[in-house]
Protein backbone atom coordinates (compact mmCIF):
# COMPACT_ATOMS: atom_id res chain seq x y z
CA UNK A 1 152.95 147.83 120.99
CA UNK A 2 154.43 151.01 122.42
CA UNK A 3 152.16 154.04 122.56
CA UNK A 4 153.81 157.43 122.07
CA UNK A 5 153.29 159.58 125.12
CA UNK A 6 153.20 163.38 125.15
CA UNK A 7 154.52 163.65 121.62
CA UNK A 8 152.70 165.85 119.08
CA UNK A 9 150.96 164.08 116.23
CA UNK A 10 152.79 164.22 112.93
CA UNK A 11 151.10 165.24 109.69
CA UNK A 12 151.36 161.62 108.51
CA UNK A 13 149.57 160.46 111.66
CA UNK A 14 146.88 163.07 111.06
CA UNK A 15 146.45 161.80 107.49
CA UNK A 16 146.15 158.24 108.86
CA UNK A 17 143.49 159.39 111.33
CA UNK A 18 141.56 161.05 108.52
CA UNK A 19 141.79 157.96 106.31
CA UNK A 20 140.86 155.49 109.05
CA UNK A 21 137.90 157.55 110.26
CA UNK A 22 136.64 157.86 106.67
CA UNK A 23 136.77 154.07 106.51
CA UNK A 24 134.37 154.03 109.44
CA UNK A 25 136.77 152.92 112.18
CA UNK A 26 136.13 154.02 115.75
CA UNK A 27 138.43 156.39 117.62
CA UNK A 28 139.67 153.45 119.71
CA UNK A 29 140.54 151.34 116.67
CA UNK A 30 142.10 154.32 114.89
CA UNK A 31 144.24 155.01 117.96
CA UNK A 32 145.31 151.37 118.16
CA UNK A 33 146.35 151.31 114.50
CA UNK A 34 148.45 154.47 114.70
CA UNK A 35 149.83 153.41 118.11
CA UNK A 36 148.48 156.42 119.97
CA UNK A 37 146.15 156.75 122.92
CA UNK A 38 142.42 157.07 122.34
CA UNK A 39 142.63 160.41 124.14
CA UNK A 40 145.17 161.68 121.57
CA UNK A 41 142.77 160.85 118.74
CA UNK A 42 139.64 162.27 120.41
CA UNK A 43 141.49 165.43 121.46
CA UNK A 44 142.71 165.89 117.88
CA UNK A 45 139.16 165.48 116.59
CA UNK A 46 137.81 168.06 119.02
CA UNK A 47 140.64 170.49 118.27
CA UNK A 48 140.05 170.26 114.52
CA UNK A 49 136.28 170.67 114.75
CA UNK A 50 135.05 167.07 114.89
CA UNK A 51 133.60 165.04 112.02
CA UNK A 52 134.41 165.02 109.18
CA UNK A 53 138.03 165.26 110.27
CA UNK A 54 140.56 167.04 108.06
CA UNK A 55 144.26 166.26 108.51
CA UNK A 56 145.15 169.53 106.78
CA UNK A 57 142.99 171.56 109.16
CA UNK A 58 144.36 169.62 112.15
CA UNK A 59 147.94 170.34 111.05
CA UNK A 60 147.22 174.03 110.48
CA UNK A 61 145.67 174.32 113.95
CA UNK A 62 148.60 172.47 115.54
CA UNK A 63 151.10 174.77 113.83
CA UNK A 64 149.13 177.85 114.83
CA UNK A 65 148.90 176.66 118.46
CA UNK A 66 152.63 175.88 118.50
CA UNK A 67 153.44 179.33 117.13
CA UNK A 68 151.22 180.88 119.80
CA UNK A 69 153.08 178.98 122.53
CA UNK A 70 156.40 180.19 121.12
CA UNK A 71 155.09 183.76 120.84
CA UNK A 72 153.85 183.72 124.43
CA UNK A 73 157.12 182.24 125.66
CA UNK A 74 159.04 184.91 123.74
CA UNK A 75 156.88 187.65 125.22
CA UNK A 76 157.33 186.21 128.70
CA UNK A 77 161.10 186.16 128.21
CA UNK A 78 161.00 189.81 127.19
CA UNK A 79 158.80 190.66 130.17
CA UNK A 80 161.29 188.93 132.45
CA UNK A 81 163.99 191.04 130.78
CA UNK A 82 165.80 187.91 129.73
CA UNK A 83 167.76 189.21 126.76
CA UNK A 84 170.36 186.47 126.98
CA UNK A 85 170.79 183.15 125.19
CA UNK A 86 167.31 181.86 126.11
CA UNK A 87 165.60 184.67 124.23
CA UNK A 88 167.93 184.12 121.28
CA UNK A 89 167.01 180.42 121.19
CA UNK A 90 163.29 181.19 121.35
CA UNK A 91 163.56 183.59 118.43
CA UNK A 92 165.57 180.99 116.48
CA UNK A 93 162.90 178.35 117.17
CA UNK A 94 160.20 180.76 116.03
CA UNK A 95 162.03 181.26 112.72
CA UNK A 96 162.43 177.50 112.28
CA UNK A 97 158.71 177.00 112.85
CA UNK A 98 157.91 179.68 110.26
CA UNK A 99 160.10 177.87 107.73
CA UNK A 100 158.49 174.52 108.57
CA UNK A 101 155.02 176.03 108.25
CA UNK A 102 155.79 177.48 104.83
CA UNK A 103 157.31 174.18 103.67
CA UNK A 104 154.20 172.26 104.73
CA UNK A 105 151.98 174.75 102.91
CA UNK A 106 154.09 174.33 99.76
CA UNK A 107 153.88 170.52 99.99
CA UNK A 108 150.11 170.67 100.41
CA UNK A 109 149.79 172.96 97.39
CA UNK A 110 152.03 170.68 95.32
CA UNK A 111 149.88 167.66 96.18
CA UNK A 112 146.71 169.60 95.31
CA UNK A 113 148.15 170.61 91.96
CA UNK A 114 149.13 167.01 91.13
CA UNK A 115 145.59 165.76 91.81
CA UNK A 116 144.07 168.25 89.36
């Protein structure tokens, strides 16, 4: 079994973590089942506020943190007076993340509305 290294958790993996923890599985067993390190699972739990774990909250925090990294990188590029193609790519990535974030929010709202 190959364990993914240094790759962000997907929303599906976060939902699996939530489901498996609700079933009473340990962090180690949860990590084994989703083929991630135990550290990835425990770090995710800490980042999202611990038990009970919410995949939605974990995803929102991950998106926010990713946007912050992009924002800081963009600011650093501006500080370094790098107005060339690197800055253009960073701004493009920031727009793509915004679109992804909005799409995820829409999917979450659609799923909520179907459950009602």
